Amino acid sequence: MGPETPLRIAGPTDVAPVTRLVAAFRDFLGGVSPTNAEIEATASILLRDRATEFLLIGDPESGFVQTRFRLSVWTGAEDAWLEDLFVEESARGKGYGRALVEAAVERARSRGCDRIQLDVNQANVNALKLYESCGFKPVHNPAKWGEAPDFFYTREIDR
C-alpha cells in the first residue's frame, strides 16, 4: 500500500459506499441477509453513532473496518471491538487489510482504549495470520488462566 492510498473515517454521507461494502461482505460470506435496504437503514444509524466507526480505504472505496466502542467496568476506559473487516477481492494483496486493522488500533488508542478485541473463525486462516501479525493473541490473561484460549460464544435470542 502506498502513501497515496486514501484511508478515512466514514461520515453520515458515506451510506452508499458502506452499504455496498457490507453487502459485498455478506455475499462473500454466502449470506442472504440482511438485505441491501436493511444494511442501508442500519448503516445510516451507525454512521451517526459516536460508539461506531467505519474506516474506508481506496478510491473508489474497496475495503472497510467497523469498530465499536463501549465503556468497560474492568478497565474504566473504553474497549474497542473490531466488528467487521472486509476488502474486495480485486483490492486484496495491496496491504489494505493490514492498513485497516492498524488504523482501527490507532483510532482506539486515540480514544483512550486499553484494548481492542475481535472474533474470527478458526478456519479463516488468512484472517488469523493477519490479526496475529498485527499483535492480536488468542489468550486473554495467561497469568490467571494459563495458556487456555478465550472463546467467543453466541446465543441467538428469539424475538
N, C-alpha and C. Protein backbone atom coordinates (compact mmCIF):
# COMPACT_ATOMS: atom_id res chain seq x y z
N MET A 1 0.85 -1.18 0.00
CA MET A 1 0.00 0.00 0.00
C MET A 1 0.88 1.23 0.00
N GLY A 2 0.64 2.12 -0.89
CA GLY A 2 1.42 3.33 -0.98
C GLY A 2 0.82 4.45 -0.16
N PRO A 3 1.60 5.52 0.06
CA PRO A 3 1.11 6.64 0.85
C PRO A 3 -0.05 7.37 0.19
N GLU A 4 -0.25 7.14 -1.11
CA GLU A 4 -1.33 7.80 -1.82
C GLU A 4 -2.67 7.11 -1.64
N THR A 5 -2.69 5.94 -1.00
CA THR A 5 -3.94 5.21 -0.81
C THR A 5 -4.78 5.90 0.25
N PRO A 6 -5.97 6.36 -0.14
CA PRO A 6 -6.80 7.07 0.82
C PRO A 6 -7.42 6.12 1.86
N LEU A 7 -7.33 6.53 3.11
CA LEU A 7 -7.95 5.82 4.22
C LEU A 7 -8.59 6.91 5.07
N ARG A 8 -9.90 6.76 5.34
CA ARG A 8 -10.59 7.85 6.05
C ARG A 8 -11.72 7.31 6.91
N ILE A 9 -12.12 8.12 7.86
CA ILE A 9 -13.27 7.81 8.70
C ILE A 9 -14.52 8.15 7.91
N ALA A 10 -15.43 7.20 7.81
CA ALA A 10 -16.69 7.43 7.10
C ALA A 10 -17.59 8.33 7.94
N GLY A 11 -18.36 9.14 7.23
CA GLY A 11 -19.32 10.02 7.89
C GLY A 11 -20.73 9.73 7.41
N PRO A 12 -21.70 10.47 7.90
CA PRO A 12 -23.09 10.23 7.53
C PRO A 12 -23.38 10.26 6.03
N THR A 13 -22.55 10.94 5.26
CA THR A 13 -22.77 10.99 3.80
C THR A 13 -22.20 9.76 3.08
N ASP A 14 -21.59 8.85 3.83
CA ASP A 14 -20.97 7.66 3.22
C ASP A 14 -21.86 6.42 3.28
N VAL A 15 -23.15 6.61 3.36
CA VAL A 15 -24.07 5.47 3.45
C VAL A 15 -23.92 4.56 2.23
N ALA A 16 -23.80 5.12 1.04
CA ALA A 16 -23.73 4.31 -0.18
C ALA A 16 -22.50 3.40 -0.20
N PRO A 17 -21.28 3.91 0.00
CA PRO A 17 -20.14 3.00 -0.04
C PRO A 17 -20.14 1.99 1.12
N VAL A 18 -20.58 2.41 2.30
CA VAL A 18 -20.65 1.47 3.42
C VAL A 18 -21.66 0.37 3.11
N THR A 19 -22.81 0.74 2.60
CA THR A 19 -23.83 -0.26 2.24
C THR A 19 -23.29 -1.22 1.20
N ARG A 20 -22.65 -0.69 0.17
CA ARG A 20 -22.11 -1.55 -0.91
C ARG A 20 -21.07 -2.52 -0.36
N LEU A 21 -20.18 -2.04 0.49
CA LEU A 21 -19.11 -2.90 1.01
C LEU A 21 -19.64 -3.92 2.01
N VAL A 22 -20.58 -3.54 2.86
CA VAL A 22 -21.16 -4.51 3.80
C VAL A 22 -21.93 -5.57 3.03
N ALA A 23 -22.64 -5.16 2.00
CA ALA A 23 -23.36 -6.15 1.17
C ALA A 23 -22.38 -7.09 0.47
N ALA A 24 -21.26 -6.56 0.01
CA ALA A 24 -20.24 -7.41 -0.62
C ALA A 24 -19.66 -8.40 0.40
N PHE A 25 -19.50 -7.96 1.64
CA PHE A 25 -19.02 -8.84 2.71
C PHE A 25 -20.04 -9.94 2.97
N ARG A 26 -21.31 -9.55 3.05
CA ARG A 26 -22.40 -10.53 3.22
C ARG A 26 -22.34 -11.57 2.11
N ASP A 27 -22.20 -11.12 0.88
CA ASP A 27 -22.15 -12.03 -0.26
C ASP A 27 -20.91 -12.93 -0.19
N PHE A 28 -19.78 -12.38 0.20
CA PHE A 28 -18.55 -13.15 0.35
C PHE A 28 -18.73 -14.27 1.37
N LEU A 29 -19.48 -13.97 2.44
CA LEU A 29 -19.73 -14.97 3.48
C LEU A 29 -20.82 -15.97 3.09
N GLY A 30 -21.46 -15.74 1.94
CA GLY A 30 -22.51 -16.64 1.48
C GLY A 30 -23.86 -16.39 2.13
N GLY A 31 -24.04 -15.22 2.69
CA GLY A 31 -25.29 -14.89 3.35
C GLY A 31 -26.33 -14.35 2.39
N VAL A 32 -27.56 -14.33 2.86
CA VAL A 32 -28.66 -13.75 2.08
C VAL A 32 -29.32 -12.60 2.83
N SER A 33 -28.95 -12.44 4.07
CA SER A 33 -29.49 -11.34 4.85
C SER A 33 -28.37 -10.74 5.67
N PRO A 34 -28.51 -9.49 6.03
CA PRO A 34 -29.63 -8.60 5.79
C PRO A 34 -29.69 -8.16 4.32
N THR A 35 -30.84 -7.66 3.93
CA THR A 35 -30.99 -7.15 2.57
C THR A 35 -30.20 -5.86 2.43
N ASN A 36 -29.98 -5.44 1.21
CA ASN A 36 -29.29 -4.17 0.98
C ASN A 36 -30.04 -3.01 1.63
N ALA A 37 -31.37 -3.03 1.57
CA ALA A 37 -32.17 -1.96 2.19
C ALA A 37 -31.99 -1.97 3.71
N GLU A 38 -31.93 -3.15 4.30
CA GLU A 38 -31.72 -3.24 5.75
C GLU A 38 -30.32 -2.76 6.13
N ILE A 39 -29.33 -3.14 5.31
CA ILE A 39 -27.97 -2.65 5.57
C ILE A 39 -27.94 -1.13 5.50
N GLU A 40 -28.55 -0.57 4.47
CA GLU A 40 -28.57 0.88 4.30
C GLU A 40 -29.22 1.58 5.49
N ALA A 41 -30.36 1.06 5.96
CA ALA A 41 -31.06 1.66 7.10
C ALA A 41 -30.19 1.62 8.36
N THR A 42 -29.55 0.48 8.60
CA THR A 42 -28.72 0.35 9.80
C THR A 42 -27.45 1.18 9.67
N ALA A 43 -26.83 1.16 8.50
CA ALA A 43 -25.62 1.97 8.29
C ALA A 43 -25.91 3.45 8.51
N SER A 44 -27.08 3.91 8.09
CA SER A 44 -27.46 5.31 8.30
C SER A 44 -27.45 5.67 9.77
N ILE A 45 -27.89 4.74 10.61
CA ILE A 45 -27.89 4.97 12.06
C ILE A 45 -26.47 4.89 12.61
N LEU A 46 -25.75 3.83 12.23
CA LEU A 46 -24.41 3.62 12.78
C LEU A 46 -23.42 4.72 12.40
N LEU A 47 -23.58 5.28 11.22
CA LEU A 47 -22.66 6.35 10.79
C LEU A 47 -22.86 7.65 11.57
N ARG A 48 -23.91 7.71 12.37
CA ARG A 48 -24.15 8.86 13.24
C ARG A 48 -23.90 8.52 14.72
N ASP A 49 -23.55 7.28 14.98
CA ASP A 49 -23.37 6.78 16.34
C ASP A 49 -21.94 7.01 16.81
N ARG A 50 -21.75 7.74 17.90
CA ARG A 50 -20.42 8.01 18.43
C ARG A 50 -19.68 6.74 18.82
N ALA A 51 -20.42 5.68 19.13
CA ALA A 51 -19.81 4.42 19.57
C ALA A 51 -19.43 3.50 18.41
N THR A 52 -19.58 3.98 17.18
CA THR A 52 -19.25 3.18 16.00
C THR A 52 -18.42 4.00 15.03
N GLU A 53 -17.40 3.36 14.46
CA GLU A 53 -16.64 3.99 13.38
C GLU A 53 -16.48 3.02 12.23
N PHE A 54 -16.65 3.52 11.05
CA PHE A 54 -16.29 2.80 9.83
C PHE A 54 -15.10 3.54 9.23
N LEU A 55 -14.04 2.82 8.95
CA LEU A 55 -12.92 3.37 8.20
C LEU A 55 -12.99 2.79 6.81
N LEU A 56 -12.81 3.64 5.80
CA LEU A 56 -12.86 3.22 4.41
C LEU A 56 -11.49 3.38 3.79
N ILE A 57 -11.16 2.47 2.86
CA ILE A 57 -9.87 2.54 2.18
C ILE A 57 -10.08 2.38 0.68
N GLY A 58 -9.25 3.10 -0.08
CA GLY A 58 -9.28 3.01 -1.54
C GLY A 58 -10.07 4.14 -2.18
N ASP A 59 -9.82 4.30 -3.47
CA ASP A 59 -10.55 5.30 -4.25
C ASP A 59 -10.80 4.72 -5.64
N PRO A 60 -11.98 4.20 -5.89
CA PRO A 60 -13.14 4.20 -5.01
C PRO A 60 -12.93 3.24 -3.82
N GLU A 61 -13.78 3.40 -2.83
CA GLU A 61 -13.66 2.61 -1.60
C GLU A 61 -13.74 1.12 -1.92
N SER A 62 -12.74 0.37 -1.44
CA SER A 62 -12.71 -1.07 -1.73
C SER A 62 -12.52 -1.92 -0.48
N GLY A 63 -12.57 -1.30 0.68
CA GLY A 63 -12.47 -2.05 1.93
C GLY A 63 -12.94 -1.20 3.09
N PHE A 64 -13.28 -1.89 4.18
CA PHE A 64 -13.71 -1.18 5.38
C PHE A 64 -13.38 -1.99 6.62
N VAL A 65 -13.31 -1.28 7.72
CA VAL A 65 -13.28 -1.89 9.04
C VAL A 65 -14.33 -1.15 9.85
N GLN A 66 -15.11 -1.93 10.61
CA GLN A 66 -16.09 -1.35 11.53
C GLN A 66 -15.61 -1.63 12.95
N THR A 67 -15.50 -0.58 13.73
CA THR A 67 -15.08 -0.71 15.13
C THR A 67 -16.17 -0.14 16.01
N ARG A 68 -16.48 -0.87 17.08
CA ARG A 68 -17.48 -0.43 18.06
C ARG A 68 -16.76 -0.14 19.37
N PHE A 69 -17.24 0.84 20.11
CA PHE A 69 -16.62 1.26 21.36
C PHE A 69 -17.63 1.16 22.49
N ARG A 70 -17.14 0.71 23.67
CA ARG A 70 -18.01 0.60 24.84
C ARG A 70 -17.16 0.77 26.10
N LEU A 71 -17.74 1.40 27.10
CA LEU A 71 -17.05 1.60 28.36
C LEU A 71 -16.99 0.28 29.12
N SER A 72 -15.81 -0.06 29.65
CA SER A 72 -15.61 -1.30 30.39
C SER A 72 -15.50 -1.01 31.88
N VAL A 73 -16.29 -1.73 32.66
CA VAL A 73 -16.19 -1.60 34.11
C VAL A 73 -14.86 -2.16 34.61
N TRP A 74 -14.24 -3.07 33.84
CA TRP A 74 -13.00 -3.71 34.27
C TRP A 74 -11.78 -2.82 34.09
N THR A 75 -11.84 -1.92 33.14
CA THR A 75 -10.68 -1.06 32.91
C THR A 75 -10.97 0.41 33.21
N GLY A 76 -12.24 0.77 33.29
CA GLY A 76 -12.60 2.17 33.49
C GLY A 76 -12.38 3.01 32.26
N ALA A 77 -12.08 2.37 31.16
CA ALA A 77 -11.86 3.05 29.88
C ALA A 77 -12.72 2.37 28.81
N GLU A 78 -12.75 2.99 27.65
CA GLU A 78 -13.46 2.35 26.55
C GLU A 78 -12.67 1.14 26.06
N ASP A 79 -13.39 0.13 25.66
CA ASP A 79 -12.84 -1.00 24.92
C ASP A 79 -13.26 -0.82 23.47
N ALA A 80 -12.46 -1.36 22.57
CA ALA A 80 -12.80 -1.34 21.16
C ALA A 80 -13.08 -2.78 20.72
N TRP A 81 -14.04 -2.93 19.84
CA TRP A 81 -14.38 -4.23 19.27
C TRP A 81 -14.29 -4.09 17.77
N LEU A 82 -13.34 -4.79 17.17
CA LEU A 82 -13.20 -4.79 15.72
C LEU A 82 -14.28 -5.74 15.21
N GLU A 83 -15.39 -5.16 14.78
CA GLU A 83 -16.57 -5.96 14.44
C GLU A 83 -16.49 -6.58 13.05
N ASP A 84 -16.07 -5.83 12.08
CA ASP A 84 -16.02 -6.34 10.71
C ASP A 84 -14.81 -5.76 9.99
N LEU A 85 -14.22 -6.59 9.14
CA LEU A 85 -13.13 -6.16 8.27
C LEU A 85 -13.34 -6.86 6.94
N PHE A 86 -13.32 -6.09 5.87
CA PHE A 86 -13.52 -6.67 4.55
C PHE A 86 -12.80 -5.84 3.51
N VAL A 87 -12.14 -6.54 2.58
CA VAL A 87 -11.52 -5.91 1.42
C VAL A 87 -12.00 -6.68 0.19
N GLU A 88 -12.47 -5.94 -0.79
CA GLU A 88 -12.94 -6.59 -2.02
C GLU A 88 -11.82 -7.39 -2.66
N GLU A 89 -12.19 -8.48 -3.30
CA GLU A 89 -11.21 -9.39 -3.90
C GLU A 89 -10.26 -8.67 -4.84
N SER A 90 -10.77 -7.74 -5.63
CA SER A 90 -9.93 -7.04 -6.60
C SER A 90 -8.87 -6.16 -5.94
N ALA A 91 -9.02 -5.86 -4.65
CA ALA A 91 -8.08 -4.99 -3.95
C ALA A 91 -7.21 -5.76 -2.96
N ARG A 92 -7.36 -7.06 -2.89
CA ARG A 92 -6.58 -7.85 -1.94
C ARG A 92 -5.13 -7.93 -2.39
N GLY A 93 -4.24 -8.12 -1.43
CA GLY A 93 -2.81 -8.23 -1.72
C GLY A 93 -2.10 -6.89 -1.78
N LYS A 94 -2.81 -5.82 -1.49
CA LYS A 94 -2.22 -4.47 -1.53
C LYS A 94 -1.91 -3.94 -0.13
N GLY A 95 -2.17 -4.74 0.90
CA GLY A 95 -1.94 -4.29 2.26
C GLY A 95 -3.10 -3.53 2.87
N TYR A 96 -4.24 -3.52 2.21
CA TYR A 96 -5.40 -2.78 2.71
C TYR A 96 -5.91 -3.35 4.03
N GLY A 97 -5.96 -4.68 4.15
CA GLY A 97 -6.44 -5.29 5.39
C GLY A 97 -5.59 -4.86 6.57
N ARG A 98 -4.29 -4.97 6.41
CA ARG A 98 -3.36 -4.57 7.47
C ARG A 98 -3.52 -3.08 7.79
N ALA A 99 -3.62 -2.26 6.76
CA ALA A 99 -3.77 -0.81 6.98
C ALA A 99 -5.05 -0.51 7.75
N LEU A 100 -6.13 -1.21 7.43
CA LEU A 100 -7.39 -1.00 8.14
C LEU A 100 -7.30 -1.44 9.60
N VAL A 101 -6.67 -2.61 9.84
CA VAL A 101 -6.52 -3.08 11.22
C VAL A 101 -5.68 -2.09 12.01
N GLU A 102 -4.55 -1.69 11.47
CA GLU A 102 -3.66 -0.77 12.18
C GLU A 102 -4.34 0.58 12.41
N ALA A 103 -5.14 1.03 11.45
CA ALA A 103 -5.86 2.29 11.63
C ALA A 103 -6.92 2.15 12.72
N ALA A 104 -7.58 1.01 12.78
CA ALA A 104 -8.57 0.78 13.85
C ALA A 104 -7.89 0.78 15.21
N VAL A 105 -6.71 0.18 15.30
CA VAL A 105 -5.95 0.18 16.56
C VAL A 105 -5.57 1.61 16.94
N GLU A 106 -5.12 2.38 15.98
CA GLU A 106 -4.74 3.77 16.26
C GLU A 106 -5.94 4.61 16.68
N ARG A 107 -7.08 4.40 16.05
CA ARG A 107 -8.30 5.12 16.44
C ARG A 107 -8.70 4.74 17.86
N ALA A 108 -8.59 3.45 18.19
CA ALA A 108 -8.91 3.01 19.55
C ALA A 108 -7.95 3.67 20.55
N ARG A 109 -6.67 3.70 20.22
CA ARG A 109 -5.67 4.34 21.08
C ARG A 109 -6.02 5.81 21.28
N SER A 110 -6.40 6.48 20.21
CA SER A 110 -6.69 7.91 20.30
C SER A 110 -7.93 8.19 21.15
N ARG A 111 -8.80 7.21 21.30
CA ARG A 111 -9.99 7.36 22.14
C ARG A 111 -9.73 6.94 23.58
N GLY A 112 -8.51 6.50 23.87
CA GLY A 112 -8.17 6.10 25.23
C GLY A 112 -8.46 4.65 25.56
N CYS A 113 -8.70 3.83 24.55
CA CYS A 113 -8.98 2.41 24.78
C CYS A 113 -7.73 1.70 25.29
N ASP A 114 -7.93 0.77 26.21
CA ASP A 114 -6.84 -0.05 26.71
C ASP A 114 -6.67 -1.33 25.92
N ARG A 115 -7.70 -1.70 25.16
CA ARG A 115 -7.62 -2.95 24.38
C ARG A 115 -8.59 -2.89 23.21
N ILE A 116 -8.29 -3.72 22.22
CA ILE A 116 -9.18 -3.91 21.09
C ILE A 116 -9.31 -5.41 20.91
N GLN A 117 -10.54 -5.87 20.74
CA GLN A 117 -10.82 -7.29 20.65
C GLN A 117 -11.57 -7.58 19.36
N LEU A 118 -11.62 -8.85 19.01
CA LEU A 118 -12.35 -9.29 17.82
C LEU A 118 -12.66 -10.77 17.95
N ASP A 119 -13.48 -11.25 17.05
CA ASP A 119 -13.67 -12.69 16.93
C ASP A 119 -13.37 -13.08 15.49
N VAL A 120 -12.87 -14.29 15.32
CA VAL A 120 -12.54 -14.79 13.99
C VAL A 120 -12.69 -16.31 14.02
N ASN A 121 -13.19 -16.86 12.94
CA ASN A 121 -13.35 -18.30 12.85
C ASN A 121 -12.00 -18.97 12.65
N GLN A 122 -11.79 -20.07 13.33
CA GLN A 122 -10.52 -20.80 13.27
C GLN A 122 -10.18 -21.24 11.85
N ALA A 123 -11.18 -21.46 11.02
CA ALA A 123 -10.94 -21.90 9.64
C ALA A 123 -10.50 -20.74 8.74
N ASN A 124 -10.65 -19.51 9.19
CA ASN A 124 -10.28 -18.35 8.39
C ASN A 124 -8.79 -18.07 8.59
N VAL A 125 -7.98 -18.92 7.99
CA VAL A 125 -6.53 -18.91 8.20
C VAL A 125 -5.91 -17.57 7.80
N ASN A 126 -6.35 -16.99 6.70
CA ASN A 126 -5.77 -15.71 6.27
C ASN A 126 -6.05 -14.60 7.28
N ALA A 127 -7.26 -14.57 7.80
CA ALA A 127 -7.59 -13.55 8.81
C ALA A 127 -6.79 -13.79 10.08
N LEU A 128 -6.67 -15.05 10.50
CA LEU A 128 -5.88 -15.36 11.70
C LEU A 128 -4.44 -14.87 11.53
N LYS A 129 -3.85 -15.14 10.38
CA LYS A 129 -2.47 -14.70 10.13
C LYS A 129 -2.37 -13.18 10.20
N LEU A 130 -3.33 -12.50 9.59
CA LEU A 130 -3.31 -11.04 9.60
C LEU A 130 -3.42 -10.52 11.02
N TYR A 131 -4.41 -10.98 11.76
CA TYR A 131 -4.62 -10.46 13.11
C TYR A 131 -3.43 -10.77 14.02
N GLU A 132 -2.90 -11.98 13.92
CA GLU A 132 -1.75 -12.33 14.75
C GLU A 132 -0.53 -11.49 14.38
N SER A 133 -0.35 -11.21 13.09
CA SER A 133 0.79 -10.39 12.67
C SER A 133 0.62 -8.93 13.11
N CYS A 134 -0.62 -8.55 13.44
CA CYS A 134 -0.90 -7.20 13.93
C CYS A 134 -0.92 -7.16 15.46
N GLY A 135 -0.52 -8.25 16.11
CA GLY A 135 -0.39 -8.26 17.56
C GLY A 135 -1.55 -8.83 18.35
N PHE A 136 -2.59 -9.31 17.68
CA PHE A 136 -3.71 -9.93 18.38
C PHE A 136 -3.30 -11.32 18.84
N LYS A 137 -3.76 -11.71 20.02
CA LYS A 137 -3.42 -13.01 20.58
C LYS A 137 -4.69 -13.72 21.04
N PRO A 138 -4.71 -15.06 20.93
CA PRO A 138 -5.90 -15.80 21.34
C PRO A 138 -6.01 -16.01 22.85
N VAL A 139 -5.03 -15.57 23.62
CA VAL A 139 -5.05 -15.76 25.07
C VAL A 139 -5.29 -14.41 25.74
N HIS A 140 -6.27 -14.35 26.63
CA HIS A 140 -6.62 -13.08 27.26
C HIS A 140 -5.76 -12.76 28.47
N ASN A 141 -5.68 -13.69 29.41
CA ASN A 141 -4.97 -13.40 30.66
C ASN A 141 -4.17 -14.62 31.10
N PRO A 142 -2.98 -14.82 30.55
CA PRO A 142 -2.19 -16.01 30.88
C PRO A 142 -1.85 -16.11 32.36
N ALA A 143 -1.71 -14.98 33.06
CA ALA A 143 -1.39 -15.03 34.48
C ALA A 143 -2.52 -15.68 35.28
N LYS A 144 -3.75 -15.49 34.82
CA LYS A 144 -4.90 -16.03 35.54
C LYS A 144 -5.33 -17.39 35.02
N TRP A 145 -5.32 -17.55 33.70
CA TRP A 145 -5.89 -18.74 33.07
C TRP A 145 -4.86 -19.66 32.45
N GLY A 146 -3.59 -19.37 32.54
CA GLY A 146 -2.59 -20.18 31.85
C GLY A 146 -2.68 -19.91 30.36
N GLU A 147 -2.42 -20.90 29.58
CA GLU A 147 -2.44 -20.73 28.12
C GLU A 147 -3.79 -21.08 27.51
N ALA A 148 -4.82 -21.26 28.34
CA ALA A 148 -6.15 -21.58 27.82
C ALA A 148 -6.68 -20.40 27.01
N PRO A 149 -7.10 -20.64 25.77
CA PRO A 149 -7.59 -19.53 24.94
C PRO A 149 -9.00 -19.10 25.37
N ASP A 150 -9.30 -17.84 25.11
CA ASP A 150 -10.66 -17.36 25.30
C ASP A 150 -11.53 -17.91 24.18
N PHE A 151 -12.80 -18.04 24.45
CA PHE A 151 -13.77 -18.42 23.43
C PHE A 151 -14.78 -17.30 23.29
N PHE A 152 -15.32 -17.17 22.11
CA PHE A 152 -16.37 -16.20 21.84
C PHE A 152 -17.63 -17.01 21.62
N TYR A 153 -18.62 -16.81 22.44
CA TYR A 153 -19.87 -17.56 22.35
C TYR A 153 -20.99 -16.66 21.86
N THR A 154 -21.95 -17.28 21.20
CA THR A 154 -23.15 -16.56 20.75
C THR A 154 -24.39 -17.33 21.15
N ARG A 155 -25.38 -16.63 21.59
CA ARG A 155 -26.69 -17.22 21.82
C ARG A 155 -27.70 -16.38 21.05
N GLU A 156 -28.41 -17.02 20.16
CA GLU A 156 -29.45 -16.34 19.42
C GLU A 156 -30.64 -16.11 20.36
N ILE A 157 -31.26 -14.96 20.27
CA ILE A 157 -32.41 -14.62 21.11
C ILE A 157 -33.65 -14.59 20.23
N ASP A 158 -34.62 -15.41 20.59
CA ASP A 158 -35.88 -15.44 19.84
C ASP A 158 -36.62 -14.13 20.03
N ARG A 159 -37.19 -13.64 18.95
CA ARG A 159 -37.98 -12.39 19.03
C ARG A 159 -39.45 -12.71 18.95
